[in-house]
Amino acid sequence: MDGLFEWLAIPFLVFLGFFIAPYFFRTRISTIPEWYERRFNGASRTWMVLFAILTALLIHIGISLYAGAELAKQFFGLQEIYGIIFIAVLTGIYTVVGGLKAVAITESVQTVLLIGGAMTLTIFGIFALPDAGIHSFAEFKAQLAPDTLSILRPENSPANPPEGGISWYAALLGYFVLGAWYWFSDQTIVQRALGAKTEYDAKVGPMFTAILKILPVLFFLLPGVLAYVIFKSDIGADTKNTLPFMIDRLVPIGLKGLIIAALLAALMSSVAAAINSASTLFSIDIIKRIKPQTDDKKLVLIGRYTAVVIMILAIAWSTQADKFGDTIIHTVNSLGAMIAPPIVAVFMFGMFWKRGTAKAANITFAVGLVMGIFVFLLDFPYENLLPGLKGLAEKIAASNGINLLPQTKAITGSLGMVFMMQAWWKFVLCALIMIVASLLTAKPTEAQISTCIRLKDYWPDKYNGVKDFRIIGLAIIISLTVLWIILESIA
């Protein structure tokens, strides 16, 4: 199912390259919240800054620090907190000093290292199969639970985890919300397009990312399946040790260091981009609005101080990151399901519906934030609270006839609903609020309506040969379809 999340991102990235990225490039905005002010009002911009900083803190930085600490623990024997601090300090230094340019350069190098390391590990895993008594694909497949190689698994598939899986329709509906939020309106992601030199760069950049998104299923998830077959009895139930175990047992010393560096580099890349994003939002969307006379030099300094503060908060949060799921991708998406619905509702109806109003946007943001906090508190396992807070939670629950579960890491969460469907139904509720509130309030001004996108403006009449962004996008979608059909046919 993790592979499904990766490949569902590709159509969103192509759409981003076709329309959203060039639209943002032409509007010459510096940050995503700036668009919300143009389309709605200053309050909407403030709401979006709050959501964006929460996203950077809880997901992009906090979860990445936790994942990096787990790798440092397995490979170097560092305690979790020391691993978190090590990665945070190392990443913070080059991000705070170098800004977005440093982030872009290091990401380019890290991407090459990560892909090269993943391919190398996959090759070593394939060559190790004969030593495990596997000499054909049929023998390899026989060692796996049914549907293990399938991306579209049924909800009750034996390949799903014991706590249950995600049905294909839940993945499609939920990812519509998570994908639109992450790829269209998340400052950490879209800032790459905002920083493009030309409109053509803004178009093809997301599509190059779409090409890279094909690779995780082949070279990031497949090694885990290989490790399961080769080292099933050695790894045991603790699947978090799968990757470190595989690297340690299969890869020679020199290459082992390179692969470890690639993995840590990828995590540091996410942290660096999020730090830069959050500091930019605070300095431009808050400080610059409060004090317009603030010069650029001072804004840069404020941004650096902000980055340090956010990093400290993220370090504290990252120690709790393992409380929300058995795998990193489930944790990220369950947190995203709490944050994304109001953002997507406001973005979609603001971008594509001229009747959407500022008051409706602000009401939707407020209701969505309350819903997100409510679900977050429900999903936080109460046994991990400090003793005093734990006792208080038990008393409140008892007085209301609620039976608190000690700890639940299942993907269904405390609402008894898979997190992808939580994201979908919360989006539906936010969309209804946005529509009804818009119809009950005064129509937006002509200036506000003018910020809505017209898709035909971004579809040129003439094609530019093989370099045309539409040819590239179509080739990506065709390649994805062919690979998907092949994989499902052999699964």
Protein backbone atom coordinates (compact mmCIF):
# COMPACT_ATOMS: atom_id res chain seq x y z
CA MET A 1 0.00 0.00 0.00
CA ASP A 2 2.99 2.31 0.56
CA GLY A 3 3.71 1.94 -3.15
CA LEU A 4 0.21 3.15 -3.93
CA PHE A 5 0.91 6.39 -2.04
CA GLU A 6 4.05 6.92 -4.12
CA TRP A 7 2.44 6.34 -7.50
CA LEU A 8 -0.75 8.27 -6.74
CA ALA A 9 1.45 11.34 -6.34
CA ILE A 10 2.43 11.26 -10.01
CA PRO A 11 -0.85 12.60 -11.53
CA PHE A 12 -0.82 15.41 -8.95
CA LEU A 13 2.75 16.32 -9.89
CA VAL A 14 1.89 16.37 -13.58
CA PHE A 15 -1.12 18.63 -12.88
CA LEU A 16 1.14 20.82 -10.74
CA GLY A 17 3.54 21.19 -13.66
CA PHE A 18 0.76 21.79 -16.20
CA PHE A 19 -1.19 24.46 -14.33
CA ILE A 20 -0.51 25.25 -10.65
CA ALA A 21 3.25 25.86 -10.77
CA PRO A 22 3.17 28.18 -13.83
CA TYR A 23 0.18 29.99 -12.31
CA PHE A 24 2.14 30.69 -9.13
CA PHE A 25 5.17 31.70 -11.20
CA ARG A 26 3.18 34.26 -13.21
CA THR A 27 1.54 35.76 -10.12
CA ARG A 28 5.02 36.43 -8.69
CA ILE A 29 4.08 35.48 -5.14
CA SER A 30 6.83 34.76 -2.62
CA THR A 31 4.88 32.34 -0.44
CA ILE A 32 1.69 30.29 -0.67
CA PRO A 33 -0.05 32.27 2.13
CA GLU A 34 0.47 35.43 0.06
CA TRP A 35 -1.91 33.98 -2.55
CA TYR A 36 -4.55 33.42 0.14
CA GLU A 37 -4.44 37.12 0.98
CA ARG A 38 -4.88 38.10 -2.67
CA ARG A 39 -7.75 35.66 -3.15
CA PHE A 40 -9.45 36.21 0.22
CA ASN A 41 -7.99 38.54 2.87
CA GLY A 42 -5.23 39.02 5.43
CA ALA A 43 -6.91 36.77 7.99
CA SER A 44 -6.87 33.87 5.53
CA ARG A 45 -3.18 34.47 4.98
CA THR A 46 -2.57 34.29 8.74
CA TRP A 47 -4.55 31.06 8.99
CA MET A 48 -2.47 29.53 6.22
CA VAL A 49 0.79 30.60 7.87
CA LEU A 50 -0.34 28.84 11.05
CA PHE A 51 -1.21 25.64 9.18
CA ALA A 52 2.02 25.75 7.17
CA ILE A 53 4.25 26.17 10.22
CA LEU A 54 2.39 23.36 12.01
CA THR A 55 2.94 21.14 8.98
CA ALA A 56 6.65 21.92 8.85
CA LEU A 57 7.05 21.39 12.60
CA LEU A 58 4.98 18.23 13.06
CA ILE A 59 5.60 16.41 9.78
CA HIS A 60 8.49 17.62 7.65
CA ILE A 61 10.95 18.28 10.47
CA GLY A 62 9.70 16.27 13.46
CA ILE A 63 9.07 12.98 11.65
CA SER A 64 12.26 13.27 9.59
CA LEU A 65 14.33 13.82 12.73
CA TYR A 66 12.74 10.77 14.32
CA ALA A 67 13.42 8.62 11.24
CA GLY A 68 17.01 9.82 11.11
CA ALA A 69 17.47 9.07 14.80
CA GLU A 70 16.24 5.50 14.24
CA LEU A 71 18.87 5.03 11.53
CA ALA A 72 21.59 6.52 13.73
CA LYS A 73 20.53 4.20 16.54
CA GLN A 74 20.75 1.10 14.37
CA PHE A 75 24.02 1.94 12.64
CA PHE A 76 25.96 3.93 15.22
CA GLY A 77 24.38 2.88 18.51
CA LEU A 78 23.37 6.47 19.35
CA GLN A 79 20.54 6.96 21.78
CA GLU A 80 17.45 8.42 20.13
CA ILE A 81 17.77 11.91 21.58
CA TYR A 82 21.45 12.19 20.59
CA GLY A 83 20.65 11.06 17.06
CA ILE A 84 17.91 13.67 16.80
CA ILE A 85 20.18 16.45 18.05
CA PHE A 86 23.04 15.37 15.76
CA ILE A 87 20.88 15.47 12.61
CA ALA A 88 19.12 18.67 13.69
CA VAL A 89 22.35 20.58 14.31
CA LEU A 90 24.04 19.34 11.14
CA THR A 91 21.05 20.21 8.96
CA GLY A 92 20.33 23.47 10.73
CA ILE A 93 23.81 24.84 10.14
CA TYR A 94 23.81 24.68 6.34
CA THR A 95 20.14 25.65 6.08
CA VAL A 96 20.31 28.70 8.34
CA VAL A 97 23.53 29.94 6.74
CA GLY A 98 22.81 29.07 3.10
CA GLY A 99 19.04 29.52 2.74
CA LEU A 100 17.01 28.12 -0.19
CA LYS A 101 20.00 28.03 -2.55
CA ALA A 102 21.92 25.76 -0.16
CA VAL A 103 18.84 23.58 0.24
CA ALA A 104 18.42 23.23 -3.55
CA ILE A 105 22.09 22.38 -4.16
CA THR A 106 22.32 19.82 -1.36
CA GLU A 107 19.02 18.23 -2.43
CA SER A 108 20.40 17.66 -5.91
CA VAL A 109 23.44 15.85 -4.55
CA GLN A 110 21.37 13.94 -1.99
CA THR A 111 18.92 12.75 -4.67
CA VAL A 112 21.73 11.16 -6.69
CA LEU A 113 23.15 9.52 -3.57
CA LEU A 114 19.77 8.19 -2.45
CA ILE A 115 18.79 6.71 -5.82
CA GLY A 116 22.25 5.22 -6.33
CA GLY A 117 22.25 3.69 -2.85
CA ALA A 118 18.74 2.24 -3.27
CA MET A 119 19.62 0.69 -6.62
CA THR A 120 22.80 -0.79 -5.19
CA LEU A 121 20.96 -2.32 -2.25
CA THR A 122 18.31 -3.79 -4.56
CA ILE A 123 20.97 -5.42 -6.75
CA PHE A 124 22.74 -6.92 -3.75
CA GLY A 125 19.41 -8.26 -2.51
CA ILE A 126 18.62 -9.91 -5.84
CA PHE A 127 22.07 -11.55 -6.01
CA ALA A 128 21.60 -12.86 -2.45
CA LEU A 129 18.40 -14.75 -3.34
CA PRO A 130 20.18 -17.95 -4.53
CA ASP A 131 21.92 -18.25 -1.14
CA ALA A 132 18.45 -18.32 0.42
CA GLY A 133 17.35 -21.11 -1.91
CA ILE A 134 15.46 -18.82 -4.32
CA HIS A 135 16.34 -19.45 -7.97
CA SER A 136 13.26 -18.21 -9.84
CA PHE A 137 10.57 -15.56 -9.62
CA ALA A 138 7.98 -18.27 -8.91
CA GLU A 139 10.00 -19.45 -5.89
CA PHE A 140 10.42 -15.84 -4.75
CA LYS A 141 6.69 -15.15 -5.01
CA ALA A 142 5.86 -18.37 -3.17
CA GLN A 143 7.69 -17.06 -0.10
CA LEU A 144 5.40 -14.04 0.10
CA ALA A 145 1.88 -13.60 1.38
CA PRO A 146 -0.73 -13.21 -1.39
CA ASP A 147 -0.96 -9.66 -2.81
CA THR A 148 2.43 -8.62 -1.35
CA LEU A 149 3.61 -7.39 -4.76
CA SER A 150 0.26 -5.82 -5.60
CA ILE A 151 -0.25 -2.10 -5.22
CA LEU A 152 -4.06 -2.32 -5.25
CA ARG A 153 -4.60 -4.71 -2.34
CA PRO A 154 -8.02 -5.60 -0.96
CA GLU A 155 -8.76 -4.34 2.55
CA ASN A 156 -8.61 -7.86 4.05
CA SER A 157 -5.51 -8.96 2.13
CA PRO A 158 -3.09 -11.31 3.98
CA ALA A 159 -0.30 -8.92 2.94
CA ASN A 160 -1.74 -6.12 5.04
CA PRO A 161 -0.56 -5.56 8.63
CA PRO A 162 -2.39 -7.36 11.48
CA GLU A 163 -4.31 -4.23 12.48
CA GLY A 164 -5.88 -4.01 9.05
CA GLY A 165 -5.18 -2.49 5.67
CA ILE A 166 -6.38 0.37 3.52
CA SER A 167 -8.84 -0.46 0.76
CA TRP A 168 -8.16 0.87 -2.71
CA TYR A 169 -11.14 3.25 -2.60
CA ALA A 170 -10.02 4.65 0.78
CA ALA A 171 -6.56 5.23 -0.68
CA LEU A 172 -7.94 7.00 -3.75
CA LEU A 173 -10.37 9.23 -1.83
CA GLY A 174 -7.96 9.98 0.98
CA TYR A 175 -5.04 10.66 -1.31
CA PHE A 176 -7.06 13.20 -3.27
CA VAL A 177 -7.08 15.27 -0.07
CA LEU A 178 -3.51 14.55 0.99
CA GLY A 179 -2.13 14.94 -2.54
CA ALA A 180 -3.85 18.26 -3.26
CA TRP A 181 -2.64 19.61 0.09
CA TYR A 182 0.93 18.36 -0.19
CA TRP A 183 1.68 19.03 -3.84
CA PHE A 184 -0.44 22.14 -4.52
CA SER A 185 -0.47 24.20 -1.33
CA ASP A 186 2.33 23.08 0.99
CA GLN A 187 4.93 25.83 1.15
CA THR A 188 7.77 23.37 1.80
CA ILE A 189 7.05 21.63 -1.53
CA VAL A 190 5.81 24.45 -3.76
CA GLN A 191 8.63 26.82 -2.77
CA ARG A 192 10.79 25.03 -5.37
CA ALA A 193 8.44 26.20 -8.12
CA LEU A 194 8.25 29.68 -6.59
CA GLY A 195 12.03 29.86 -6.80
CA ALA A 196 12.23 28.72 -10.46
CA LYS A 197 14.23 30.89 -12.86
CA THR A 198 11.81 30.55 -15.77
CA GLU A 199 8.21 29.45 -16.29
CA TYR A 200 9.46 26.43 -18.23
CA ASP A 201 11.55 25.41 -15.21
CA ALA A 202 8.46 25.77 -13.02
CA LYS A 203 6.59 23.42 -15.40
CA VAL A 204 9.14 20.65 -15.90
CA GLY A 205 10.49 20.66 -12.33
CA PRO A 206 7.39 18.92 -10.89
CA MET A 207 7.42 16.49 -13.82
CA PHE A 208 11.01 15.53 -13.14
CA THR A 209 9.88 14.83 -9.58
CA ALA A 210 7.06 12.69 -11.03
CA ILE A 211 9.66 10.60 -12.87
CA LEU A 212 11.57 10.12 -9.61
CA LYS A 213 8.32 9.04 -7.92
CA ILE A 214 8.23 5.95 -10.15
CA LEU A 215 11.46 4.71 -8.58
CA PRO A 216 10.45 4.16 -4.90
CA VAL A 217 8.28 1.14 -5.75
CA LEU A 218 11.15 -0.43 -7.71
CA PHE A 219 14.14 0.46 -5.54
CA PHE A 220 12.89 1.61 -2.11
CA LEU A 221 10.05 -0.82 -1.34
CA LEU A 222 11.38 -3.87 -3.22
CA PRO A 223 14.49 -4.15 -0.98
CA GLY A 224 12.16 -4.58 2.00
CA VAL A 225 10.41 -7.47 0.27
CA LEU A 226 13.76 -9.02 -0.62
CA ALA A 227 14.90 -8.70 2.99
CA TYR A 228 11.73 -10.41 4.17
CA VAL A 229 12.45 -13.41 1.96
CA ILE A 230 16.18 -13.61 2.68
CA PHE A 231 16.26 -12.78 6.41
CA LYS A 232 12.72 -13.61 7.55
CA SER A 233 13.82 -15.66 10.58
CA ASP A 234 16.56 -13.21 11.59
CA ILE A 235 14.57 -9.97 11.43
CA GLY A 236 11.55 -11.22 13.36
CA ALA A 237 8.57 -9.04 14.20
CA ASP A 238 10.47 -5.74 14.49
CA THR A 239 10.18 -4.60 10.89
CA LYS A 240 11.84 -1.26 11.65
CA ASN A 241 15.16 -3.16 11.67
CA THR A 242 14.67 -4.52 8.15
CA LEU A 243 16.62 -1.89 6.24
CA PRO A 244 19.56 -1.59 8.68
CA PHE A 245 19.77 -5.38 8.90
CA MET A 246 19.82 -5.76 5.12
CA ILE A 247 22.51 -3.11 4.67
CA ASP A 248 24.63 -4.61 7.43
CA ARG A 249 24.43 -8.18 6.09
CA LEU A 250 24.64 -7.65 2.33
CA VAL A 251 26.66 -4.53 1.56
CA PRO A 252 30.48 -4.27 1.70
CA ILE A 253 31.97 -1.79 4.17
CA GLY A 254 32.77 1.01 1.71
CA LEU A 255 29.40 0.94 -0.02
CA LYS A 256 27.67 0.55 3.34
CA GLY A 257 28.89 3.97 4.42
CA LEU A 258 27.75 5.50 1.14
CA ILE A 259 24.22 4.05 1.47
CA ILE A 260 23.93 5.17 5.08
CA ALA A 261 25.05 8.64 4.04
CA ALA A 262 22.44 8.65 1.26
CA LEU A 263 19.64 7.71 3.66
CA LEU A 264 20.61 10.36 6.19
CA ALA A 265 21.02 12.88 3.37
CA ALA A 266 17.46 12.26 2.18
CA LEU A 267 16.08 12.85 5.67
CA MET A 268 18.21 15.94 6.10
CA SER A 269 16.87 17.21 2.78
CA SER A 270 13.30 17.15 4.10
CA VAL A 271 14.34 18.86 7.32
CA ALA A 272 16.31 21.55 5.51
CA ALA A 273 13.49 22.40 3.10
CA ALA A 274 10.97 22.64 5.94
CA ILE A 275 13.21 24.84 8.07
CA ASN A 276 13.73 27.22 5.16
CA SER A 277 10.00 27.21 4.42
CA ALA A 278 8.93 27.95 8.00
CA SER A 279 11.49 30.70 8.52
CA THR A 280 10.49 32.32 5.21
CA LEU A 281 6.82 32.23 6.17
CA PHE A 282 7.44 33.83 9.54
CA SER A 283 9.71 36.59 8.26
CA ILE A 284 7.72 37.50 5.12
CA ASP A 285 4.12 36.61 5.97
CA ILE A 286 4.15 37.80 9.58
CA ILE A 287 7.04 40.22 10.30
CA LYS A 288 6.98 41.95 6.90
CA ARG A 289 3.21 42.45 7.17
CA ILE A 290 3.41 43.84 10.71
CA LYS A 291 6.43 46.04 9.94
CA PRO A 292 6.55 46.72 6.16
CA GLN A 293 9.59 48.97 6.60
CA THR A 294 11.77 46.04 7.75
CA ASP A 295 14.72 45.72 5.36
CA ASP A 296 15.78 42.46 3.72
CA LYS A 297 18.91 42.07 5.85
CA LYS A 298 16.88 42.14 9.05
CA LEU A 299 14.27 39.79 7.59
CA VAL A 300 17.02 37.27 6.82
CA LEU A 301 18.28 37.55 10.40
CA ILE A 302 14.77 37.07 11.81
CA GLY A 303 14.32 34.06 9.56
CA ARG A 304 17.49 32.49 10.95
CA TYR A 305 16.37 33.01 14.55
CA THR A 306 12.99 31.54 13.64
CA ALA A 307 14.68 28.48 12.13
CA VAL A 308 16.54 27.86 15.40
CA VAL A 309 13.36 28.13 17.49
CA ILE A 310 11.39 25.84 15.18
CA MET A 311 14.20 23.30 15.20
CA ILE A 312 14.20 23.23 19.02
CA LEU A 313 10.42 22.66 19.07
CA ALA A 314 10.74 19.96 16.40
CA ILE A 315 13.40 18.16 18.44
CA ALA A 316 10.99 18.01 21.38
CA TRP A 317 8.12 16.78 19.19
CA SER A 318 10.21 14.17 17.34
CA THR A 319 10.64 12.16 20.54
CA GLN A 320 6.87 11.49 20.41
CA ALA A 321 6.67 10.68 16.71
CA ASP A 322 6.52 6.90 17.17
CA LYS A 323 3.22 7.16 19.10
CA PHE A 324 1.08 7.57 15.97
CA GLY A 325 1.85 4.58 13.80
CA ASP A 326 3.86 1.44 13.21
CA THR A 327 5.54 2.86 10.10
CA ILE A 328 6.83 6.28 9.17
CA ILE A 329 4.57 6.60 6.12
CA HIS A 330 1.47 5.80 8.19
CA THR A 331 2.51 8.38 10.80
CA VAL A 332 3.07 11.06 8.16
CA ASN A 333 -0.24 10.41 6.43
CA SER A 334 -2.26 10.17 9.65
CA LEU A 335 -0.90 13.55 10.74
CA GLY A 336 -1.57 14.89 7.24
CA ALA A 337 -5.16 13.69 7.50
CA MET A 338 -5.56 15.94 10.55
CA ILE A 339 -4.13 19.04 8.86
CA ALA A 340 -5.01 18.79 5.15
CA PRO A 341 -8.86 18.85 4.84
CA PRO A 342 -9.57 22.57 5.55
CA ILE A 343 -6.54 23.66 3.51
CA VAL A 344 -7.66 21.65 0.47
CA ALA A 345 -11.26 22.83 0.74
CA VAL A 346 -10.27 26.50 0.88
CA PHE A 347 -7.59 26.11 -1.81
CA MET A 348 -9.78 24.24 -4.29
CA PHE A 349 -12.83 26.48 -3.93
CA GLY A 350 -10.64 29.55 -3.90
CA MET A 351 -8.64 28.58 -6.95
CA PHE A 352 -11.42 27.15 -9.12
CA TRP A 353 -14.69 28.70 -7.83
CA LYS A 354 -15.25 32.43 -8.21
CA ARG A 355 -18.03 32.49 -5.62
CA GLY A 356 -15.77 31.46 -2.72
CA THR A 357 -15.60 34.24 -0.10
CA ALA A 358 -13.11 35.36 2.53
CA LYS A 359 -15.52 34.84 5.43
CA ALA A 360 -16.24 31.30 4.26
CA ALA A 361 -12.51 30.58 4.00
CA ASN A 362 -11.84 31.81 7.54
CA ILE A 363 -14.76 29.84 8.99
CA THR A 364 -13.55 26.70 7.19
CA PHE A 365 -10.01 27.18 8.48
CA ALA A 366 -11.25 27.64 12.05
CA VAL A 367 -13.54 24.60 12.01
CA GLY A 368 -10.84 22.51 10.35
CA LEU A 369 -8.25 23.45 12.95
CA VAL A 370 -10.59 22.50 15.80
CA MET A 371 -11.33 19.15 14.11
CA GLY A 372 -7.63 18.51 13.62
CA ILE A 373 -6.77 19.23 17.26
CA PHE A 374 -9.66 17.04 18.43
CA VAL A 375 -8.49 14.05 16.35
CA PHE A 376 -4.85 14.64 17.37
CA LEU A 377 -5.76 14.48 21.04
CA LEU A 378 -7.89 11.38 20.49
CA ASP A 379 -5.10 9.59 18.67
CA PHE A 380 -2.39 10.47 21.19
CA PRO A 381 -1.99 7.36 23.39
CA TYR A 382 -2.81 8.50 26.91
CA GLU A 383 -0.34 6.11 28.57
CA ASN A 384 2.48 8.25 27.16
CA LEU A 385 1.31 11.34 29.02
CA LEU A 386 3.03 12.57 32.13
CA PRO A 387 1.59 10.86 35.25
CA GLY A 388 -0.43 13.91 36.30
CA LEU A 389 -1.94 14.41 32.84
CA LYS A 390 -2.59 10.69 32.51
CA GLY A 391 -4.59 10.68 35.74
CA LEU A 392 -6.53 13.73 34.63
CA ALA A 393 -7.34 12.09 31.28
CA GLU A 394 -8.61 8.98 33.05
CA LYS A 395 -10.85 11.03 35.35
CA ILE A 396 -12.33 13.06 32.50
CA ALA A 397 -12.89 9.91 30.44
CA ALA A 398 -14.52 8.06 33.37
CA SER A 399 -16.89 10.95 34.09
CA ASN A 400 -18.05 10.84 30.45
CA GLY A 401 -18.31 7.06 30.22
CA ILE A 402 -15.32 6.74 27.86
CA ASN A 403 -13.03 3.71 28.00
CA LEU A 404 -9.49 4.86 27.24
CA LEU A 405 -7.39 2.34 25.34
CA PRO A 406 -3.80 2.11 26.64
CA GLN A 407 -2.18 2.62 23.26
CA THR A 408 -3.34 2.22 19.70
CA LYS A 409 -0.97 2.28 16.76
CA ALA A 410 -3.50 0.85 14.33
CA ILE A 411 -4.10 2.79 11.15
CA THR A 412 -7.76 3.16 12.13
CA GLY A 413 -6.94 5.52 15.02
CA SER A 414 -9.28 6.48 17.84
CA LEU A 415 -12.23 7.29 15.58
CA GLY A 416 -12.43 3.67 14.42
CA MET A 417 -11.95 4.82 10.80
CA VAL A 418 -8.90 4.41 8.60
CA PHE A 419 -7.01 7.71 8.45
CA MET A 420 -7.43 8.02 4.67
CA MET A 421 -11.22 7.97 5.05
CA GLN A 422 -10.91 10.39 7.97
CA ALA A 423 -9.15 12.77 5.58
CA TRP A 424 -11.87 12.35 2.95
CA TRP A 425 -14.90 12.85 5.21
CA LYS A 426 -13.32 15.80 6.99
CA PHE A 427 -12.65 17.33 3.57
CA VAL A 428 -16.30 16.75 2.58
CA LEU A 429 -17.43 18.52 5.76
CA CYS A 430 -15.02 21.42 5.18
CA ALA A 431 -16.12 21.68 1.54
CA LEU A 432 -19.78 21.89 2.59
CA ILE A 433 -18.92 24.60 5.11
CA MET A 434 -16.99 26.52 2.44
CA ILE A 435 -19.85 26.28 -0.08
CA VAL A 436 -22.71 27.12 2.29
CA ALA A 437 -20.84 29.96 4.01
CA SER A 438 -19.85 31.42 0.63
CA LEU A 439 -23.43 31.41 -0.62
CA LEU A 440 -24.61 33.07 2.60
CA THR A 441 -22.03 35.89 2.48
CA ALA A 442 -21.39 38.77 0.09
CA LYS A 443 -19.83 37.97 -3.28
CA PRO A 444 -16.07 38.46 -3.58
CA THR A 445 -14.71 41.58 -5.27
CA GLU A 446 -13.49 41.65 -8.86
CA ALA A 447 -9.90 41.85 -7.59
CA GLN A 448 -10.41 38.67 -5.60
CA ILE A 449 -12.12 36.86 -8.47
CA SER A 450 -9.29 37.79 -10.83
CA THR A 451 -6.96 35.54 -8.83
CA CYS A 452 -8.93 32.42 -9.78
CA ILE A 453 -7.10 30.25 -12.28
CA ARG A 454 -8.24 29.84 -15.90
CA LEU A 455 -6.78 26.54 -17.07
CA LYS A 456 -6.94 27.48 -20.76
CA ASP A 457 -4.45 30.31 -20.11
CA TYR A 458 -1.81 27.68 -19.32
CA TRP A 459 -2.44 25.45 -22.34
CA PRO A 460 -0.48 26.94 -25.29
CA ASP A 461 -1.87 26.59 -28.81
CA LYS A 462 1.44 25.39 -30.28
CA TYR A 463 3.53 22.40 -29.29
CA ASN A 464 7.28 22.72 -28.79
CA GLY A 465 8.43 19.26 -29.87
CA VAL A 466 9.69 16.65 -27.41
CA LYS A 467 10.60 19.42 -24.96
CA ASP A 468 6.97 20.47 -24.64
CA PHE A 469 5.82 20.02 -21.06
CA ARG A 470 2.61 18.31 -22.23
CA ILE A 471 4.56 15.67 -24.16
CA ILE A 472 6.70 15.03 -21.08
CA GLY A 473 3.64 14.79 -18.84
CA LEU A 474 1.84 12.42 -21.21
CA ALA A 475 4.93 10.19 -21.45
CA ILE A 476 5.09 10.00 -17.65
CA ILE A 477 1.42 9.00 -17.31
CA ILE A 478 1.77 6.35 -20.05
CA SER A 479 4.91 4.95 -18.39
CA LEU A 480 3.15 4.80 -15.04
CA THR A 481 0.15 3.01 -16.56
CA VAL A 482 2.31 0.42 -18.32
CA LEU A 483 4.40 -0.28 -15.21
CA TRP A 484 1.27 -0.53 -13.06
CA ILE A 485 -0.33 -3.04 -15.45
CA ILE A 486 2.87 -5.13 -15.58
CA LEU A 487 3.25 -5.15 -11.79
CA GLU A 488 -0.37 -6.12 -11.18
CA SER A 489 -0.16 -8.87 -13.79
CA ILE A 490 2.78 -10.56 -12.05
CA ALA A 491 1.69 -9.85 -8.45
